Amino acid sequence: MEKTLDLDAVQAFVLVADMQSFTRAAEALDSTQSAISLKLKKLEQRLARRLLERTPRLVRLSSEGQHFLPAARELLAAHERALGQLNQGAARFSVGISDHVVGSGFAQVLAQVNSYDPGVVIEVRIGSSRDLLQLFERGDLDAAIVRREPQDQGGELVMEERLGWFAAPHGDCRTGDNLLKVATFSTTCRIRELSLARLDEAGIAWREVFVGGGIQAIGAAINAGLAVAALLHRSAPAGAVEVGARLGLPSLPLAQVMLHSRLKEARTREALRTLVAALKAA
C-alpha cells in the first residue's frame, strides 16, 4: 500500500503536538480547526496509527504519536534542507514583543517557530509596549506585538490576557501603618497608571516601595517578598501567587494584545503568524 505522507498534514501534526491545541495550530497555518482535524484524521488513516488522544479540554500525543513525532520533525527538516539546496535562502524580519507578553515559555515559542521554518531569521526586541510601538511607527521594526494603550490606533487584536495582583506566597504586603506595599513599573507604563488608579478608586492606601524598569526587575522584587505588583498572569514570576482576593484588592481589566505588521512577503508573514499562535499557546 502506498505510504506517501502529506507534508502539510505532518506539519499540522507537529504544530498540534507542540501547541497542544487544534485552534492554535490552525491559527499558525492560517487554516481552520476542522481542516486541521481532517488532515490529522487522514494522516492517522495513512499510518494506520492513532497519533493523538482528544478530549474536550486537552490534546495530547498517544504512545504511537510520541514515537512518530521525532520522525515527523526529521521529515520536515529534510524537506527544508532540500528546499535550501534549491537556493530558497534565508528570510529575515524584525519584531518587537512587549515584556509583559513574552512570558516564561518564550524559549519553547522560538523552538516552535524555528521548527516551522528554520530558514527564517527573526530579530526579536523585547521592551515596553510604548517604546516598541514607537519603533514600529518609525519604521525600525517590521512588526510589533504589544499591549494596547488608550491612544493607540490600528493593529489587530490577537489575544486578551488577565491582569492580577501577585506577591510571594509568604511576602509581607503591608507596612507597619497598614499601607499596601506595591512594586510598580516606570512612570511610562500604562499598567502602573491603571493599577494605582484602581487602588485609589477602591480607597486602598498604598506605598510605592520599589520601581522596576521591566518584568525581570518587578519579578525579583515580588520573589524577594518586598511588595505586591499588578502583572499579566503570563508574566508573573515562577512561585508568585495571585493575592487580589485574599487582600481585598480591586479587580483589573483584561489587557488587549495587538499585532502591528507591515510584512508583505508570504514566508515572513507565515513565520509571524506561527510566532503569534505559539505565544497564545504558551
C-alpha atoms as a PDB file:
ATOM      1  CA  MET A   1       0.000   0.000   0.000  1.00  0.00           C
ATOM      2  CA  GLU A   2       1.238   3.476  -0.875  1.00  0.00           C
ATOM      3  CA  LYS A   3       2.628   5.209   2.250  1.00  0.00           C
ATOM      4  CA  THR A   4       3.448   8.655   0.856  1.00  0.00           C
ATOM      5  CA  LEU A   5       2.752  11.255   3.528  1.00  0.00           C
ATOM      6  CA  ASP A   6       1.162  14.657   3.084  1.00  0.00           C
ATOM      7  CA  LEU A   7       3.763  17.145   4.339  1.00  0.00           C
ATOM      8  CA  ASP A   8       1.074  19.660   5.232  1.00  0.00           C
ATOM      9  CA  ALA A   9      -0.564  17.059   7.447  1.00  0.00           C
ATOM     10  CA  VAL A  10       2.762  16.210   9.066  1.00  0.00           C
ATOM     11  CA  GLN A  11       3.367  19.914   9.713  1.00  0.00           C
ATOM     12  CA  ALA A  12      -0.092  20.202  11.266  1.00  0.00           C
ATOM     13  CA  PHE A  13       0.620  17.191  13.480  1.00  0.00           C
ATOM     14  CA  VAL A  14       3.873  18.706  14.759  1.00  0.00           C
ATOM     15  CA  LEU A  15       2.205  22.041  15.499  1.00  0.00           C
ATOM     16  CA  VAL A  16      -0.712  20.399  17.319  1.00  0.00           C
ATOM     17  CA  ALA A  17       1.769  18.322  19.332  1.00  0.00           C
ATOM     18  CA  ASP A  18       3.837  21.397  20.245  1.00  0.00           C
ATOM     19  CA  MET A  19       0.928  23.712  20.997  1.00  0.00           C
ATOM     20  CA  GLN A  20      -1.416  21.050  22.409  1.00  0.00           C
ATOM     21  CA  SER A  21      -4.218  22.807  20.594  1.00  0.00           C
ATOM     22  CA  PHE A  22      -6.004  22.396  17.265  1.00  0.00           C
ATOM     23  CA  THR A  23      -7.074  26.036  17.476  1.00  0.00           C
ATOM     24  CA  ARG A  24      -3.542  27.413  17.877  1.00  0.00           C
ATOM     25  CA  ALA A  25      -2.177  25.124  15.150  1.00  0.00           C
ATOM     26  CA  ALA A  26      -4.947  26.314  12.816  1.00  0.00           C
ATOM     27  CA  GLU A  27      -4.029  29.931  13.543  1.00  0.00           C
ATOM     28  CA  ALA A  28      -0.363  29.213  12.816  1.00  0.00           C
ATOM     29  CA  LEU A  29      -1.280  27.633   9.475  1.00  0.00           C
ATOM     30  CA  ASP A  30      -3.942  30.249   8.615  1.00  0.00           C
ATOM     31  CA  SER A  31      -6.480  27.435   8.455  1.00  0.00           C
ATOM     32  CA  THR A  32      -9.487  26.246  10.433  1.00  0.00           C
ATOM     33  CA  GLN A  33      -9.773  23.801  13.290  1.00  0.00           C
ATOM     34  CA  SER A  34     -11.964  21.491  11.214  1.00  0.00           C
ATOM     35  CA  ALA A  35      -9.469  21.474   8.335  1.00  0.00           C
ATOM     36  CA  ILE A  36      -6.605  20.624  10.684  1.00  0.00           C
ATOM     37  CA  SER A  37      -8.661  17.871  12.284  1.00  0.00           C
ATOM     38  CA  LEU A  38      -9.420  16.401   8.860  1.00  0.00           C
ATOM     39  CA  LYS A  39      -5.730  16.479   7.838  1.00  0.00           C
ATOM     40  CA  LEU A  40      -4.756  14.623  11.002  1.00  0.00           C
ATOM     41  CA  LYS A  41      -7.534  12.089  10.592  1.00  0.00           C
ATOM     42  CA  LYS A  42      -6.246  11.300   7.089  1.00  0.00           C
ATOM     43  CA  LEU A  43      -2.666  11.130   8.382  1.00  0.00           C
ATOM     44  CA  GLU A  44      -3.718   8.642  11.049  1.00  0.00           C
ATOM     45  CA  GLN A  45      -5.547   6.604   8.420  1.00  0.00           C
ATOM     46  CA  ARG A  46      -2.485   6.639   6.168  1.00  0.00           C
ATOM     47  CA  LEU A  47      -0.268   5.446   9.001  1.00  0.00           C
ATOM     48  CA  ALA A  48      -2.905   3.125  10.458  1.00  0.00           C
ATOM     49  CA  ARG A  49      -1.972   4.586  13.824  1.00  0.00           C
ATOM     50  CA  ARG A  50      -3.765   6.762  16.359  1.00  0.00           C
ATOM     51  CA  LEU A  51      -1.432   9.707  16.921  1.00  0.00           C
ATOM     52  CA  LEU A  52      -3.485  11.920  19.237  1.00  0.00           C
ATOM     53  CA  GLU A  53      -5.743  11.483  22.225  1.00  0.00           C
ATOM     54  CA  ARG A  54      -8.532  14.055  22.050  1.00  0.00           C
ATOM     55  CA  THR A  55     -10.663  15.289  24.940  1.00  0.00           C
ATOM     56  CA  PRO A  56     -12.863  18.407  25.122  1.00  0.00           C
ATOM     57  CA  ARG A  57     -10.170  20.282  27.065  1.00  0.00           C
ATOM     58  CA  LEU A  58      -6.923  18.567  26.151  1.00  0.00           C
ATOM     59  CA  VAL A  59      -4.996  17.307  23.154  1.00  0.00           C
ATOM     60  CA  ARG A  60      -2.087  15.007  23.860  1.00  0.00           C
ATOM     61  CA  LEU A  61       0.019  12.504  21.985  1.00  0.00           C
ATOM     62  CA  SER A  62      -0.772   8.827  22.114  1.00  0.00           C
ATOM     63  CA  SER A  63       2.147   6.467  22.675  1.00  0.00           C
ATOM     64  CA  GLU A  64       2.303   5.948  18.898  1.00  0.00           C
ATOM     65  CA  GLY A  65       2.189   9.720  18.380  1.00  0.00           C
ATOM     66  CA  GLN A  66       5.138  10.172  20.743  1.00  0.00           C
ATOM     67  CA  HIS A  67       7.024   7.562  18.747  1.00  0.00           C
ATOM     68  CA  PHE A  68       6.189   9.244  15.427  1.00  0.00           C
ATOM     69  CA  LEU A  69       6.963  12.840  16.482  1.00  0.00           C
ATOM     70  CA  PRO A  70      10.802  12.699  16.123  1.00  0.00           C
ATOM     71  CA  ALA A  71      10.451  11.126  12.674  1.00  0.00           C
ATOM     72  CA  ALA A  72       7.908  13.791  11.707  1.00  0.00           C
ATOM     73  CA  ARG A  73      10.317  16.555  12.759  1.00  0.00           C
ATOM     74  CA  GLU A  74      13.135  14.959  10.783  1.00  0.00           C
ATOM     75  CA  LEU A  75      10.910  14.626   7.703  1.00  0.00           C
ATOM     76  CA  LEU A  76      10.084  18.338   7.842  1.00  0.00           C
ATOM     77  CA  ALA A  77      13.735  19.244   8.441  1.00  0.00           C
ATOM     78  CA  ALA A  78      14.795  17.150   5.446  1.00  0.00           C
ATOM     79  CA  HIS A  79      12.196  18.937   3.352  1.00  0.00           C
ATOM     80  CA  GLU A  80      13.601  22.304   4.434  1.00  0.00           C
ATOM     81  CA  ARG A  81      17.152  21.170   3.637  1.00  0.00           C
ATOM     82  CA  ALA A  82      16.013  20.088   0.179  1.00  0.00           C
ATOM     83  CA  LEU A  83      14.429  23.480  -0.428  1.00  0.00           C
ATOM     84  CA  GLY A  84      17.633  25.109   0.780  1.00  0.00           C
ATOM     85  CA  GLN A  85      19.550  23.227  -1.887  1.00  0.00           C
ATOM     86  CA  LEU A  86      17.316  24.941  -4.412  1.00  0.00           C
ATOM     87  CA  ASN A  87      18.596  28.298  -3.154  1.00  0.00           C
ATOM     88  CA  GLN A  88      15.469  29.309  -1.358  1.00  0.00           C
ATOM     89  CA  GLY A  89      17.802  31.146   1.006  1.00  0.00           C
ATOM     90  CA  ALA A  90      17.057  32.804   4.295  1.00  0.00           C
ATOM     91  CA  ALA A  91      14.315  35.287   5.036  1.00  0.00           C
ATOM     92  CA  ARG A  92      14.502  37.879   7.780  1.00  0.00           C
ATOM     93  CA  PHE A  93      12.274  40.231   9.737  1.00  0.00           C
ATOM     94  CA  SER A  94      12.335  42.179  12.987  1.00  0.00           C
ATOM     95  CA  VAL A  95       9.646  42.088  15.654  1.00  0.00           C
ATOM     96  CA  GLY A  96       9.227  43.841  18.976  1.00  0.00           C
ATOM     97  CA  ILE A  97       7.407  41.966  21.736  1.00  0.00           C
ATOM     98  CA  SER A  98       6.203  43.543  24.956  1.00  0.00           C
ATOM     99  CA  ASP A  99       7.991  42.163  28.001  1.00  0.00           C
ATOM    100  CA  HIS A 100       4.539  41.677  29.550  1.00  0.00           C
ATOM    101  CA  VAL A 101       3.573  39.374  26.673  1.00  0.00           C
ATOM    102  CA  VAL A 102       6.740  37.264  26.336  1.00  0.00           C
ATOM    103  CA  GLY A 103       6.078  35.165  29.443  1.00  0.00           C
ATOM    104  CA  SER A 104       8.185  32.343  30.826  1.00  0.00           C
ATOM    105  CA  GLY A 105       7.687  29.966  27.898  1.00  0.00           C
ATOM    106  CA  PHE A 106       9.410  32.070  25.243  1.00  0.00           C
ATOM    107  CA  ALA A 107      12.163  29.515  24.583  1.00  0.00           C
ATOM    108  CA  GLN A 108       9.531  26.996  23.537  1.00  0.00           C
ATOM    109  CA  VAL A 109       7.830  29.641  21.395  1.00  0.00           C
ATOM    110  CA  LEU A 110      11.069  30.245  19.477  1.00  0.00           C
ATOM    111  CA  ALA A 111      11.628  26.496  19.093  1.00  0.00           C
ATOM    112  CA  GLN A 112       8.187  26.098  17.540  1.00  0.00           C
ATOM    113  CA  VAL A 113       8.757  28.948  15.087  1.00  0.00           C
ATOM    114  CA  ASN A 114      12.161  27.558  14.126  1.00  0.00           C
ATOM    115  CA  SER A 115      10.655  24.114  13.661  1.00  0.00           C
ATOM    116  CA  TYR A 116       8.080  25.575  11.283  1.00  0.00           C
ATOM    117  CA  ASP A 117      10.681  27.272   9.075  1.00  0.00           C
ATOM    118  CA  PRO A 118      14.363  27.111  10.125  1.00  0.00           C
ATOM    119  CA  GLY A 119      15.302  29.394   7.224  1.00  0.00           C
ATOM    120  CA  VAL A 120      13.610  32.454   8.706  1.00  0.00           C
ATOM    121  CA  VAL A 121      15.853  34.671  10.823  1.00  0.00           C
ATOM    122  CA  ILE A 122      13.856  36.661  13.378  1.00  0.00           C
ATOM    123  CA  GLU A 123      15.364  39.684  15.059  1.00  0.00           C
ATOM    124  CA  VAL A 124      13.473  39.998  18.364  1.00  0.00           C
ATOM    125  CA  ARG A 125      13.459  43.070  20.544  1.00  0.00           C
ATOM    126  CA  ILE A 126      11.779  42.919  23.958  1.00  0.00           C
ATOM    127  CA  GLY A 127      10.762  46.107  25.730  1.00  0.00           C
ATOM    128  CA  SER A 128       7.869  48.273  26.818  1.00  0.00           C
ATOM    129  CA  SER A 129       4.775  48.417  24.605  1.00  0.00           C
ATOM    130  CA  ARG A 130       5.043  52.171  24.237  1.00  0.00           C
ATOM    131  CA  ASP A 131       8.699  52.121  23.149  1.00  0.00           C
ATOM    132  CA  LEU A 132       8.212  49.224  20.735  1.00  0.00           C
ATOM    133  CA  LEU A 133       5.198  50.785  19.066  1.00  0.00           C
ATOM    134  CA  GLN A 134       7.170  53.982  18.547  1.00  0.00           C
ATOM    135  CA  LEU A 135       9.954  51.963  16.916  1.00  0.00           C
ATOM    136  CA  PHE A 136       7.401  50.261  14.668  1.00  0.00           C
ATOM    137  CA  GLU A 137       5.803  53.550  13.663  1.00  0.00           C
ATOM    138  CA  ARG A 138       9.265  54.959  12.915  1.00  0.00           C
ATOM    139  CA  GLY A 139       9.997  52.025  10.610  1.00  0.00           C
ATOM    140  CA  ASP A 140      12.667  50.446  12.813  1.00  0.00           C
ATOM    141  CA  LEU A 141      10.626  47.262  13.309  1.00  0.00           C
ATOM    142  CA  ASP A 142       8.702  45.180  10.772  1.00  0.00           C
ATOM    143  CA  ALA A 143       6.156  44.069  13.366  1.00  0.00           C
ATOM    144  CA  ALA A 144       5.213  44.653  16.986  1.00  0.00           C
ATOM    145  CA  ILE A 145       3.210  42.570  19.472  1.00  0.00           C
ATOM    146  CA  VAL A 146       2.243  44.965  22.232  1.00  0.00           C
ATOM    147  CA  ARG A 147      -0.384  45.813  24.808  1.00  0.00           C
ATOM    148  CA  ARG A 148      -2.971  48.248  23.565  1.00  0.00           C
ATOM    149  CA  GLU A 149      -2.805  51.722  25.069  1.00  0.00           C
ATOM    150  CA  PRO A 150      -5.887  54.021  25.042  1.00  0.00           C
ATOM    151  CA  GLN A 151      -4.335  56.342  22.467  1.00  0.00           C
ATOM    152  CA  ASP A 152      -3.136  53.602  20.094  1.00  0.00           C
ATOM    153  CA  GLN A 153      -4.537  53.343  16.587  1.00  0.00           C
ATOM    154  CA  GLY A 154      -4.735  50.359  14.251  1.00  0.00           C
ATOM    155  CA  GLY A 155      -3.399  46.900  14.791  1.00  0.00           C
ATOM    156  CA  GLU A 156      -5.101  43.511  15.014  1.00  0.00           C
ATOM    157  CA  LEU A 157      -6.379  42.135  18.308  1.00  0.00           C
ATOM    158  CA  VAL A 158      -4.677  38.759  18.775  1.00  0.00           C
ATOM    159  CA  MET A 159      -5.470  37.942  22.410  1.00  0.00           C
ATOM    160  CA  GLU A 160      -6.772  39.252  25.699  1.00  0.00           C
ATOM    161  CA  GLU A 161      -4.811  38.499  28.856  1.00  0.00           C
ATOM    162  CA  ARG A 162      -5.835  38.589  32.513  1.00  0.00           C
ATOM    163  CA  LEU A 163      -4.213  41.052  34.883  1.00  0.00           C
ATOM    164  CA  GLY A 164      -3.850  40.187  38.548  1.00  0.00           C
ATOM    165  CA  TRP A 165      -2.159  41.172  41.799  1.00  0.00           C
ATOM    166  CA  PHE A 166       0.874  38.981  42.540  1.00  0.00           C
ATOM    167  CA  ALA A 167       3.140  38.532  45.550  1.00  0.00           C
ATOM    168  CA  ALA A 168       5.428  35.941  47.114  1.00  0.00           C
ATOM    169  CA  PRO A 169       3.449  33.237  48.980  1.00  0.00           C
ATOM    170  CA  HIS A 170       4.660  34.466  52.344  1.00  0.00           C
ATOM    171  CA  GLY A 171       5.569  38.038  51.420  1.00  0.00           C
ATOM    172  CA  ASP A 172       4.861  40.947  53.761  1.00  0.00           C
ATOM    173  CA  CYS A 173       2.454  43.087  51.735  1.00  0.00           C
ATOM    174  CA  ARG A 174       1.661  45.705  54.409  1.00  0.00           C
ATOM    175  CA  THR A 175       3.675  48.411  56.100  1.00  0.00           C
ATOM    176  CA  GLY A 176       3.609  48.936  59.848  1.00  0.00           C
ATOM    177  CA  ASP A 177       0.851  51.508  59.414  1.00  0.00           C
ATOM    178  CA  ASN A 178      -1.165  49.087  57.218  1.00  0.00           C
ATOM    179  CA  LEU A 179      -0.394  50.629  53.817  1.00  0.00           C
ATOM    180  CA  LEU A 180      -0.293  48.237  50.885  1.00  0.00           C
ATOM    181  CA  LYS A 181       3.285  47.886  49.676  1.00  0.00           C
ATOM    182  CA  VAL A 182       3.400  47.963  45.887  1.00  0.00           C
ATOM    183  CA  ALA A 183       6.105  47.403  43.305  1.00  0.00           C
ATOM    184  CA  THR A 184       5.467  49.354  40.102  1.00  0.00           C
ATOM    185  CA  PHE A 185       6.879  49.793  36.661  1.00  0.00           C
ATOM    186  CA  SER A 186       8.364  53.061  35.453  1.00  0.00           C
ATOM    187  CA  THR A 187       6.110  56.065  35.083  1.00  0.00           C
ATOM    188  CA  THR A 188       5.686  55.452  31.326  1.00  0.00           C
ATOM    189  CA  CYS A 189       3.935  52.108  31.896  1.00  0.00           C
ATOM    190  CA  ARG A 190       0.175  52.004  31.467  1.00  0.00           C
ATOM    191  CA  ILE A 191      -0.173  49.065  33.886  1.00  0.00           C
ATOM    192  CA  ARG A 192       1.386  51.186  36.641  1.00  0.00           C
ATOM    193  CA  GLU A 193      -1.020  54.011  35.912  1.00  0.00           C
ATOM    194  CA  LEU A 194      -4.023  51.701  35.751  1.00  0.00           C
ATOM    195  CA  SER A 195      -3.285  49.649  38.874  1.00  0.00           C
ATOM    196  CA  LEU A 196      -2.606  52.642  41.108  1.00  0.00           C
ATOM    197  CA  ALA A 197      -5.748  54.359  39.860  1.00  0.00           C
ATOM    198  CA  ARG A 198      -7.801  51.254  40.740  1.00  0.00           C
ATOM    199  CA  LEU A 199      -6.334  51.245  44.269  1.00  0.00           C
ATOM    200  CA  ASP A 200      -7.207  54.918  44.694  1.00  0.00           C
ATOM    201  CA  GLU A 201     -10.751  54.359  43.416  1.00  0.00           C
ATOM    202  CA  ALA A 202     -11.181  51.499  45.908  1.00  0.00           C
ATOM    203  CA  GLY A 203      -9.938  53.680  48.747  1.00  0.00           C
ATOM    204  CA  ILE A 204      -6.944  51.435  49.447  1.00  0.00           C
ATOM    205  CA  ALA A 205      -3.968  53.325  50.850  1.00  0.00           C
ATOM    206  CA  TRP A 206      -0.674  52.248  49.311  1.00  0.00           C
ATOM    207  CA  ARG A 207       3.025  52.981  49.370  1.00  0.00           C
ATOM    208  CA  GLU A 208       5.362  52.514  46.438  1.00  0.00           C
ATOM    209  CA  VAL A 209       8.373  50.619  47.767  1.00  0.00           C
ATOM    210  CA  PHE A 210      10.028  49.508  44.510  1.00  0.00           C
ATOM    211  CA  VAL A 211      10.139  50.795  40.926  1.00  0.00           C
ATOM    212  CA  GLY A 212      11.387  48.448  38.208  1.00  0.00           C
ATOM    213  CA  GLY A 213      12.292  49.087  34.611  1.00  0.00           C
ATOM    214  CA  GLY A 214      10.872  45.808  33.365  1.00  0.00           C
ATOM    215  CA  ILE A 215       9.352  42.409  34.131  1.00  0.00           C
ATOM    216  CA  GLN A 216      12.610  40.900  35.393  1.00  0.00           C
ATOM    217  CA  ALA A 217      13.107  43.637  37.983  1.00  0.00           C
ATOM    218  CA  ILE A 218       9.493  43.522  39.178  1.00  0.00           C
ATOM    219  CA  GLY A 219       9.628  39.721  39.334  1.00  0.00           C
ATOM    220  CA  ALA A 220      12.723  39.900  41.522  1.00  0.00           C
ATOM    221  CA  ALA A 221      11.002  42.354  43.884  1.00  0.00           C
ATOM    222  CA  ILE A 222       7.982  40.061  44.160  1.00  0.00           C
ATOM    223  CA  ASN A 223      10.068  36.944  44.816  1.00  0.00           C
ATOM    224  CA  ALA A 224      12.064  38.859  47.413  1.00  0.00           C
ATOM    225  CA  GLY A 225       8.822  39.448  49.297  1.00  0.00           C
ATOM    226  CA  LEU A 226       9.084  43.221  49.021  1.00  0.00           C
ATOM    227  CA  ALA A 227       5.637  44.053  47.700  1.00  0.00           C
ATOM    228  CA  VAL A 228       2.607  43.191  45.592  1.00  0.00           C
ATOM    229  CA  ALA A 229       2.507  44.083  41.885  1.00  0.00           C
ATOM    230  CA  ALA A 230      -0.031  44.137  39.067  1.00  0.00           C
ATOM    231  CA  LEU A 231       1.025  41.782  36.271  1.00  0.00           C
ATOM    232  CA  LEU A 232      -0.362  39.816  33.370  1.00  0.00           C
ATOM    233  CA  HIS A 233      -0.810  36.226  34.525  1.00  0.00           C
ATOM    234  CA  ARG A 234       1.524  35.010  31.781  1.00  0.00           C
ATOM    235  CA  SER A 235       4.363  37.248  33.007  1.00  0.00           C
ATOM    236  CA  ALA A 236       4.130  36.528  36.740  1.00  0.00           C
ATOM    237  CA  PRO A 237       7.385  35.055  38.085  1.00  0.00           C
ATOM    238  CA  ALA A 238       7.555  31.379  38.996  1.00  0.00           C
ATOM    239  CA  GLY A 239       6.435  30.835  42.569  1.00  0.00           C
ATOM    240  CA  ALA A 240       4.367  34.025  42.812  1.00  0.00           C
ATOM    241  CA  VAL A 241       0.702  33.731  43.760  1.00  0.00           C
ATOM    242  CA  GLU A 242      -2.386  35.795  42.923  1.00  0.00           C
ATOM    243  CA  VAL A 243      -3.322  37.647  46.129  1.00  0.00           C
ATOM    244  CA  GLY A 244      -6.038  40.035  44.946  1.00  0.00           C
ATOM    245  CA  ALA A 245      -8.962  38.183  46.542  1.00  0.00           C
ATOM    246  CA  ARG A 246      -7.117  37.479  49.790  1.00  0.00           C
ATOM    247  CA  LEU A 247      -6.102  41.105  50.251  1.00  0.00           C
ATOM    248  CA  GLY A 248      -9.392  42.561  49.023  1.00  0.00           C
ATOM    249  CA  LEU A 249      -7.765  44.359  46.102  1.00  0.00           C
ATOM    250  CA  PRO A 250      -9.797  45.737  43.168  1.00  0.00           C
ATOM    251  CA  SER A 251     -10.233  43.712  40.001  1.00  0.00           C
ATOM    252  CA  LEU A 252      -8.191  44.674  36.968  1.00  0.00           C
ATOM    253  CA  PRO A 253      -9.395  44.726  33.336  1.00  0.00           C
ATOM    254  CA  LEU A 254      -8.255  42.417  30.591  1.00  0.00           C
ATOM    255  CA  ALA A 255      -5.169  43.579  28.716  1.00  0.00           C
ATOM    256  CA  GLN A 256      -5.589  43.615  24.936  1.00  0.00           C
ATOM    257  CA  VAL A 257      -2.593  42.408  22.959  1.00  0.00           C
ATOM    258  CA  MET A 258      -2.325  43.871  19.468  1.00  0.00           C
ATOM    259  CA  LEU A 259      -0.327  42.868  16.413  1.00  0.00           C
ATOM    260  CA  HIS A 260       1.047  45.601  14.181  1.00  0.00           C
ATOM    261  CA  SER A 261       2.752  44.427  10.999  1.00  0.00           C
ATOM    262  CA  ARG A 262       3.935  45.750   7.667  1.00  0.00           C
ATOM    263  CA  LEU A 263       5.230  42.405   6.383  1.00  0.00           C
ATOM    264  CA  LYS A 264       4.244  41.675   2.790  1.00  0.00           C
ATOM    265  CA  GLU A 265       6.230  38.577   1.822  1.00  0.00           C
ATOM    266  CA  ALA A 266       4.313  35.330   2.370  1.00  0.00           C
ATOM    267  CA  ARG A 267       7.135  33.438   4.055  1.00  0.00           C
ATOM    268  CA  THR A 268       7.775  36.030   6.767  1.00  0.00           C
ATOM    269  CA  ARG A 269       4.053  36.591   7.278  1.00  0.00           C
ATOM    270  CA  GLU A 270       3.641  32.849   7.888  1.00  0.00           C
ATOM    271  CA  ALA A 271       6.521  32.847  10.396  1.00  0.00           C
ATOM    272  CA  LEU A 272       4.989  35.818  12.224  1.00  0.00           C
ATOM    273  CA  ARG A 273       1.605  34.078  12.286  1.00  0.00           C
ATOM    274  CA  THR A 274       3.259  30.996  13.807  1.00  0.00           C
ATOM    275  CA  LEU A 275       5.005  33.193  16.384  1.00  0.00           C
ATOM    276  CA  VAL A 276       1.708  34.761  17.458  1.00  0.00           C
ATOM    277  CA  ALA A 277      -0.037  31.380  17.677  1.00  0.00           C
ATOM    278  CA  ALA A 278       2.831  29.962  19.742  1.00  0.00           C
ATOM    279  CA  LEU A 279       2.692  32.941  22.111  1.00  0.00           C
ATOM    280  CA  LYS A 280      -1.019  32.401  22.600  1.00  0.00           C
ATOM    281  CA  ALA A 281      -0.438  28.726  23.378  1.00  0.00           C
ATOM    282  CA  ALA A 282       2.439  29.398  25.810  1.00  0.00           C
END
